[in-house]
Amino acid sequence: MSIRVLVVDDSAMMRKALRQILETDLDIEVVAAARDGEDALKKAQELSPDVITLDINMPVMDGLTCLSLLLEQIPEVQVVMVSSLTQEGAITTFEAMELGAFDYVAKPSGTVSANLHIVGRELIAKVKAAAKRKRRRPGSRLAGRNASRSAGRPPLGANRAERGDHSILVPDRAFRKVVVIGVSTGGPSTLMEILPYLPADLDASVIVVQHMPPTFTNSFAKRLDDYCHLRFSEAKAGDKLARGEGFVAPGGHHLVLKKNALRDDVLIRLTSQPANTLFIPSVDVTMHSVVELFGKRTVGVLLTGMGSDGADGMVAIRQAGGVTIAEDASTAVVFGMPREAIERGGAEIVAPSHQIAREIVKAVNRW
């Protein structure tokens, strides 16, 4: 059965480009294209597509308004946002994810780009993943998400107000372990089922490696910081690891660690090497760097994503005596990266996303 897709964009050139890209895959059928949000709502009701690719900036009705109405009127439909590579685009994209969008792809540049084929592979993969989620037996992921939310995720900005200003010095920042989390497709929503439930007094520093464009990671880190008890920021060269601090690897750079030779500190270093990895930042590069310094005091977590990035790193962590946690197939949007880790023997614990925060806390306290 083919995947029925509705393409929504105010640019005729972009609608044509998206259609051409999607129809290169024999499993996908573009049933129609819509020029704005109102047109999209009408055609979605008429055609019942499996997946909608939705532009954000449109006349008549913008993408966020359209998304809200789509999910209200056709709750089973899956929506992949098509976002511009700008700071504003990143912020709006994460708002769309909070509303219930499945995932996003970022346009290489501008509203209409002659280089859209660069994201073609990603777009096709995410549309297929979205359709698979729609056709999966309902209940597993949704039930888990509702269970997590019932645990009381704080409203946006609540934790920042509770914690006060980041510049306040906290004594005794020594920490027990480093938790390194790798994630790709479906990552933003999955991380929001985990990170807000880690306690402020977690005896570890947390590093998140999410495959994401450079202009998106800073906005994503700020969003995590608003929701989480831990302090989160986009990692910068020279940042010092500390207990209760979380770092998001910046897009376009690998995040590695180095020991401060003058003091007993561990610092973050950003590098473009190795340049031949499929993703930059790479989960494997960061995991290997962390386990090299921390050995059995490393907790590795591998979540939803295509491919195998992080699987070798998980094996290395487990061989060093650290704790490794992989997301279970029942909740993984794309069971690629976790499956590879499991099959290679790199996963000591396999758990659905809504249980992983608890497993991280147990792992940190184990040593």
Protein backbone atom coordinates (compact mmCIF):
# COMPACT_ATOMS: atom_id res chain seq x y z
CA MET A 1 0.00 0.00 0.00
CA SER A 2 1.46 3.35 -1.04
CA ILE A 3 1.93 6.23 1.39
CA ARG A 4 -0.49 9.02 0.50
CA VAL A 5 1.08 12.47 0.97
CA LEU A 6 -0.37 15.98 0.81
CA VAL A 7 2.24 18.68 0.09
CA VAL A 8 1.51 22.15 1.53
CA ASP A 9 3.59 25.20 0.57
CA ASP A 10 2.79 28.69 -0.66
CA SER A 11 5.53 28.50 -3.31
CA ALA A 12 4.55 26.79 -6.56
CA MET A 13 8.22 26.02 -7.20
CA MET A 14 8.59 24.40 -3.79
CA ARG A 15 5.40 22.36 -4.21
CA LYS A 16 6.72 21.06 -7.50
CA ALA A 17 10.16 20.29 -6.04
CA LEU A 18 8.71 18.45 -3.03
CA ARG A 19 6.41 16.42 -5.27
CA GLN A 20 9.29 15.46 -7.54
CA ILE A 21 11.47 14.41 -4.62
CA LEU A 22 8.77 12.34 -2.92
CA GLU A 23 7.66 10.62 -6.12
CA THR A 24 11.17 9.30 -6.76
CA ASP A 25 10.23 6.70 -4.14
CA LEU A 26 7.82 4.07 -5.46
CA ASP A 27 6.19 3.66 -2.05
CA ILE A 28 5.02 7.28 -1.96
CA GLU A 29 2.11 8.87 -3.82
CA VAL A 30 1.57 12.64 -3.68
CA VAL A 31 -2.22 12.83 -3.80
CA ALA A 32 -2.41 16.64 -3.97
CA ALA A 33 -0.68 19.93 -3.23
CA ALA A 34 -2.10 22.88 -1.28
CA ARG A 35 -1.02 26.51 -1.45
CA ASP A 36 -1.96 27.62 2.10
CA GLY A 37 -3.40 26.41 5.39
CA GLU A 38 -7.06 26.79 4.42
CA ASP A 39 -6.48 24.88 1.19
CA ALA A 40 -4.62 22.19 3.16
CA LEU A 41 -7.48 21.70 5.63
CA LYS A 42 -10.00 21.31 2.81
CA LYS A 43 -7.88 18.82 0.86
CA ALA A 44 -6.91 16.86 3.96
CA GLN A 45 -10.58 16.34 4.79
CA GLU A 46 -11.37 15.29 1.24
CA LEU A 47 -8.37 13.01 0.58
CA SER A 48 -7.42 11.59 4.02
CA PRO A 49 -3.64 11.53 3.40
CA ASP A 50 -1.33 9.48 5.60
CA VAL A 51 1.26 12.25 5.86
CA ILE A 52 1.25 16.00 5.26
CA THR A 53 4.39 18.02 4.59
CA LEU A 54 3.62 21.47 5.93
CA ASP A 55 5.34 24.79 5.33
CA ILE A 56 5.40 27.23 8.25
CA ASN A 57 5.24 30.67 6.64
CA MET A 58 2.17 30.90 4.43
CA PRO A 59 -0.49 33.54 3.64
CA VAL A 60 -4.19 33.19 4.55
CA MET A 61 -3.41 30.63 7.29
CA ASP A 62 0.09 29.96 8.64
CA GLY A 63 1.56 26.54 9.32
CA LEU A 64 1.14 26.54 13.11
CA THR A 65 -2.54 27.46 12.92
CA CYS A 66 -3.07 24.88 10.21
CA LEU A 67 -1.25 22.23 12.25
CA SER A 68 -3.43 22.85 15.31
CA LEU A 69 -6.61 22.52 13.27
CA LEU A 70 -5.37 19.47 11.39
CA LEU A 71 -4.56 17.58 14.57
CA GLU A 72 -7.90 18.60 16.06
CA GLN A 73 -9.94 17.56 13.02
CA ILE A 74 -7.86 14.59 11.80
CA PRO A 75 -5.89 13.44 14.86
CA GLU A 76 -4.47 10.35 13.16
CA VAL A 77 -2.69 12.32 10.40
CA GLN A 78 1.09 12.69 10.67
CA VAL A 79 2.68 16.05 9.84
CA VAL A 80 6.27 16.71 8.80
CA MET A 81 7.15 20.39 9.01
CA VAL A 82 9.30 21.93 6.25
CA SER A 83 11.24 24.74 7.90
CA SER A 84 13.60 27.47 6.80
CA LEU A 85 17.15 27.35 8.16
CA THR A 86 16.81 30.48 10.25
CA GLN A 87 16.69 31.19 13.97
CA GLU A 88 13.05 32.18 13.66
CA GLY A 89 12.37 29.04 11.67
CA ALA A 90 13.96 26.91 14.38
CA ILE A 91 11.86 28.45 17.16
CA THR A 92 8.63 27.98 15.19
CA THR A 93 9.59 24.42 14.30
CA PHE A 94 9.96 23.45 17.95
CA GLU A 95 6.60 25.07 18.69
CA ALA A 96 5.15 22.83 15.96
CA MET A 97 6.75 19.78 17.57
CA GLU A 98 5.16 20.75 20.88
CA LEU A 99 1.77 20.99 19.16
CA GLY A 100 2.17 17.46 17.82
CA ALA A 101 4.07 17.54 14.52
CA PHE A 102 5.83 14.24 13.87
CA ASP A 103 9.17 15.73 12.82
CA TYR A 104 10.70 18.31 10.52
CA VAL A 105 13.09 18.76 7.63
CA ALA A 106 15.03 21.97 7.14
CA LYS A 107 15.26 23.65 3.77
CA PRO A 108 18.90 24.21 2.79
CA SER A 109 18.28 27.95 2.36
CA GLY A 110 15.50 30.45 1.96
CA THR A 111 11.89 29.80 1.08
CA VAL A 112 12.64 28.42 -2.37
CA SER A 113 15.88 26.59 -2.82
CA ALA A 114 17.41 25.13 -5.93
CA ASN A 115 19.32 22.78 -3.61
CA LEU A 116 16.28 21.15 -2.03
CA HIS A 117 17.49 17.78 -3.33
CA ILE A 118 20.08 17.90 -0.52
CA VAL A 119 17.33 17.09 2.00
CA GLY A 120 15.51 14.70 -0.34
CA ARG A 121 16.75 11.54 1.33
CA GLU A 122 15.89 12.87 4.77
CA LEU A 123 12.44 14.00 3.64
CA ILE A 124 11.59 10.60 2.15
CA ALA A 125 12.86 8.77 5.23
CA LYS A 126 10.85 10.95 7.60
CA VAL A 127 7.67 10.68 5.53
CA LYS A 128 8.04 6.89 5.59
CA ALA A 129 8.69 6.90 9.33
CA ALA A 130 5.64 9.12 9.88
CA ALA A 131 3.45 6.76 7.84
CA LYS A 132 4.75 3.77 9.79
CA ARG A 133 3.86 5.51 13.04
CA LYS A 134 0.34 6.18 11.74
CA ARG A 135 -0.17 2.55 10.79
CA ARG A 136 1.37 1.14 13.97
CA ARG A 137 -1.15 -0.32 16.37
CA PRO A 138 -2.27 2.69 18.45
CA GLY A 139 -1.63 3.06 22.14
CA SER A 140 2.01 2.23 22.86
CA ARG A 141 3.75 5.54 22.35
CA LEU A 142 0.72 7.66 23.15
CA ALA A 143 0.08 5.80 26.39
CA GLY A 144 3.69 6.25 27.38
CA ARG A 145 3.65 9.94 26.56
CA ASN A 146 0.47 10.44 28.58
CA ALA A 147 2.01 8.53 31.48
CA SER A 148 5.04 10.79 31.35
CA ARG A 149 2.94 13.93 31.21
CA SER A 150 0.86 12.78 34.17
CA ALA A 151 4.09 12.71 36.14
CA GLY A 152 4.00 16.48 35.95
CA ARG A 153 6.24 17.98 33.29
CA PRO A 154 6.58 21.63 34.24
CA PRO A 155 5.14 24.38 32.04
CA LEU A 156 7.46 26.30 29.75
CA GLY A 157 9.77 28.51 31.75
CA ALA A 158 8.83 27.10 35.15
CA ASN A 159 12.16 25.50 35.93
CA ARG A 160 14.17 28.53 34.85
CA ALA A 161 12.17 30.62 37.32
CA GLU A 162 12.71 28.06 40.08
CA ARG A 163 16.43 27.76 39.48
CA GLY A 164 17.16 31.43 39.18
CA ASP A 165 19.94 32.95 37.12
CA HIS A 166 22.59 30.69 35.60
CA SER A 167 25.36 32.95 36.81
CA ILE A 168 24.81 32.01 40.47
CA LEU A 169 27.79 29.97 41.59
CA VAL A 170 26.98 26.59 43.09
CA PRO A 171 29.60 25.09 45.41
CA ASP A 172 30.92 21.55 45.00
CA ARG A 173 30.24 20.90 41.33
CA ALA A 174 32.01 17.54 41.40
CA PHE A 175 29.93 14.84 39.76
CA ARG A 176 29.74 11.09 39.63
CA LYS A 177 29.07 10.21 35.99
CA VAL A 178 28.58 11.52 32.48
CA VAL A 179 25.36 10.65 30.67
CA VAL A 180 25.70 10.87 26.87
CA ILE A 181 22.51 10.61 24.85
CA GLY A 182 22.43 10.02 21.09
CA VAL A 183 19.30 10.57 19.01
CA SER A 184 18.24 11.42 15.46
CA THR A 185 14.86 11.20 13.66
CA GLY A 186 12.04 11.84 16.11
CA GLY A 187 14.52 13.10 18.68
CA PRO A 188 13.06 16.42 19.87
CA SER A 189 9.73 14.95 20.98
CA THR A 190 11.38 11.84 22.43
CA LEU A 191 13.86 13.89 24.45
CA MET A 192 10.96 15.87 25.90
CA GLU A 193 9.64 12.58 27.30
CA ILE A 194 12.95 12.02 29.11
CA LEU A 195 15.00 15.08 30.00
CA PRO A 196 12.34 17.07 31.92
CA TYR A 197 12.05 14.14 34.33
CA LEU A 198 15.70 14.07 35.35
CA PRO A 199 16.10 15.65 38.81
CA ALA A 200 18.07 18.84 39.41
CA ASP A 201 20.35 16.98 41.82
CA LEU A 202 21.31 14.30 39.29
CA ASP A 203 24.88 13.36 40.18
CA ALA A 204 26.03 13.60 36.56
CA SER A 205 26.67 15.90 33.65
CA VAL A 206 24.48 15.25 30.59
CA ILE A 207 25.54 15.55 26.95
CA VAL A 208 22.93 15.35 24.17
CA VAL A 209 24.00 14.62 20.59
CA GLN A 210 20.98 15.25 18.37
CA HIS A 211 21.40 15.22 14.58
CA MET A 212 20.27 18.77 13.85
CA PRO A 213 21.31 21.74 11.63
CA PRO A 214 23.67 24.35 13.15
CA THR A 215 21.00 27.05 13.31
CA PHE A 216 18.65 24.77 15.27
CA THR A 217 20.72 23.47 18.17
CA ASN A 218 20.90 26.73 20.13
CA SER A 219 17.11 27.18 20.03
CA PHE A 220 16.64 23.55 20.97
CA ALA A 221 19.02 23.87 23.93
CA LYS A 222 17.12 26.93 25.16
CA ARG A 223 13.87 25.05 24.90
CA LEU A 224 15.27 22.17 26.94
CA ASP A 225 16.54 24.66 29.50
CA ASP A 226 13.03 26.08 29.87
CA TYR A 227 11.50 22.66 30.49
CA CYS A 228 14.16 20.79 32.45
CA HIS A 229 15.31 20.77 36.06
CA LEU A 230 18.88 20.47 34.77
CA ARG A 231 20.47 23.55 33.21
CA PHE A 232 20.87 23.12 29.45
CA SER A 233 22.87 25.15 26.93
CA GLU A 234 24.40 24.70 23.50
CA ALA A 235 27.95 23.48 24.14
CA LYS A 236 30.79 25.92 23.53
CA ALA A 237 34.50 25.21 23.34
CA GLY A 238 35.95 25.48 26.85
CA ASP A 239 32.71 24.76 28.72
CA LYS A 240 33.39 22.78 31.90
CA LEU A 241 31.40 19.68 32.72
CA ALA A 242 29.62 19.91 36.05
CA ARG A 243 26.96 18.11 38.03
CA GLY A 244 23.44 19.15 37.04
CA GLU A 245 24.58 20.72 33.77
CA GLY A 246 23.34 19.61 30.36
CA PHE A 247 24.94 20.37 27.01
CA VAL A 248 23.60 20.03 23.46
CA ALA A 249 26.26 19.34 20.83
CA PRO A 250 26.15 22.20 18.30
CA GLY A 251 25.19 21.34 14.76
CA GLY A 252 28.16 21.20 12.40
CA HIS A 253 30.72 20.25 15.10
CA HIS A 254 31.71 17.07 16.90
CA LEU A 255 31.69 17.36 20.67
CA VAL A 256 34.67 15.74 22.41
CA LEU A 257 36.16 16.06 25.89
CA LYS A 258 39.63 16.91 27.11
CA LYS A 259 41.19 16.91 30.56
CA ASN A 260 42.41 20.26 31.85
CA ALA A 261 46.10 19.65 32.53
CA LEU A 262 46.33 22.42 35.16
CA ARG A 263 43.22 21.56 37.15
CA ASP A 264 41.04 18.56 37.74
CA ASP A 265 38.44 19.75 35.23
CA VAL A 266 37.00 18.21 32.08
CA LEU A 267 36.38 20.65 29.24
CA ILE A 268 34.38 20.49 26.05
CA ARG A 269 36.20 20.77 22.76
CA LEU A 270 34.52 21.27 19.39
CA THR A 271 36.11 19.85 16.27
CA SER A 272 35.38 19.18 12.60
CA GLN A 273 37.39 15.96 12.69
CA PRO A 274 36.78 13.27 11.68
CA ALA A 275 35.20 14.82 8.62
CA ASN A 276 34.05 11.55 7.05
CA THR A 277 31.24 10.76 9.49
CA LEU A 278 27.71 10.56 8.10
CA PHE A 279 26.49 13.02 10.74
CA ILE A 280 28.16 16.02 12.33
CA PRO A 281 27.81 15.97 15.29
CA SER A 282 28.36 12.23 15.52
CA VAL A 283 27.08 10.20 18.48
CA ASP A 284 29.91 7.68 18.10
CA VAL A 285 32.60 10.36 18.21
CA THR A 286 31.23 11.84 21.44
CA MET A 287 30.58 8.49 23.12
CA HIS A 288 34.12 7.27 22.41
CA SER A 289 35.55 10.53 23.75
CA VAL A 290 33.48 10.33 26.95
CA VAL A 291 34.27 6.69 27.70
CA GLU A 292 37.96 7.30 27.09
CA LEU A 293 38.01 9.73 30.03
CA PHE A 294 35.29 8.35 32.27
CA GLY A 295 35.32 4.59 31.60
CA LYS A 296 32.78 2.78 33.78
CA ARG A 297 31.44 6.14 34.99
CA THR A 298 29.78 6.61 31.58
CA VAL A 299 26.06 6.12 30.96
CA GLY A 300 25.23 5.73 27.27
CA VAL A 301 21.69 6.22 25.96
CA LEU A 302 20.66 5.61 22.34
CA LEU A 303 17.24 6.68 21.15
CA THR A 304 15.21 6.80 17.95
CA GLY A 305 17.03 7.40 14.68
CA MET A 306 17.95 6.07 11.26
CA GLY A 307 21.22 4.24 10.66
CA SER A 308 23.78 3.04 13.18
CA ASP A 309 25.41 6.16 14.65
CA GLY A 310 26.12 5.49 18.32
CA ALA A 311 25.98 1.68 18.14
CA ASP A 312 29.77 1.29 18.28
CA GLY A 313 29.96 3.87 21.05
CA MET A 314 27.43 1.92 23.10
CA VAL A 315 29.51 -1.24 22.70
CA ALA A 316 32.62 0.63 23.88
CA ILE A 317 30.80 2.00 26.94
CA ARG A 318 29.50 -1.42 27.91
CA GLN A 319 32.91 -3.03 27.44
CA ALA A 320 34.38 -0.38 29.74
CA GLY A 321 31.91 -1.30 32.47
CA GLY A 322 29.53 1.62 31.96
CA VAL A 323 25.75 1.40 31.77
CA THR A 324 24.00 1.44 28.39
CA ILE A 325 20.30 2.05 27.71
CA ALA A 326 18.59 1.67 24.31
CA GLU A 327 15.06 2.74 23.45
CA ASP A 328 12.65 -0.12 22.89
CA ALA A 329 10.99 -0.70 19.50
CA SER A 330 7.56 -0.11 21.06
CA THR A 331 8.19 3.65 21.31
CA ALA A 332 11.07 4.38 18.89
CA VAL A 333 9.89 6.51 15.99
CA VAL A 334 12.61 4.87 13.91
CA PHE A 335 14.07 1.70 15.42
CA GLY A 336 17.39 1.98 13.59
CA MET A 337 20.09 3.28 15.93
CA PRO A 338 18.78 1.45 19.03
CA ARG A 339 18.36 -1.80 17.12
CA GLU A 340 21.96 -1.66 15.90
CA ALA A 341 23.19 -1.17 19.46
CA ILE A 342 21.09 -4.07 20.71
CA GLU A 343 22.19 -6.41 17.92
CA ARG A 344 25.87 -5.57 18.51
CA GLY A 345 25.55 -6.30 22.23
CA GLY A 346 25.85 -2.66 23.23
CA ALA A 347 22.59 -2.35 25.16
CA GLU A 348 22.47 -3.59 28.74
CA ILE A 349 18.99 -2.13 29.29
CA VAL A 350 16.18 -1.81 26.70
CA ALA A 351 13.25 0.37 27.75
CA PRO A 352 10.42 2.46 26.25
CA SER A 353 11.06 6.19 26.13
CA HIS A 354 8.79 7.02 29.08
CA GLN A 355 10.86 4.78 31.37
CA ILE A 356 14.30 5.95 30.32
CA ALA A 357 14.57 8.90 32.73
CA ARG A 358 14.10 6.48 35.62
CA GLU A 359 16.70 4.11 34.15
CA ILE A 360 19.19 6.99 33.80
CA VAL A 361 18.77 7.94 37.46
CA LYS A 362 19.24 4.31 38.52
CA ALA A 363 22.33 4.02 36.33
CA VAL A 364 23.90 7.20 37.76
CA ASN A 365 23.27 5.98 41.30
CA ARG A 366 24.56 2.48 40.62
CA TRP A 367 28.26 3.29 40.72
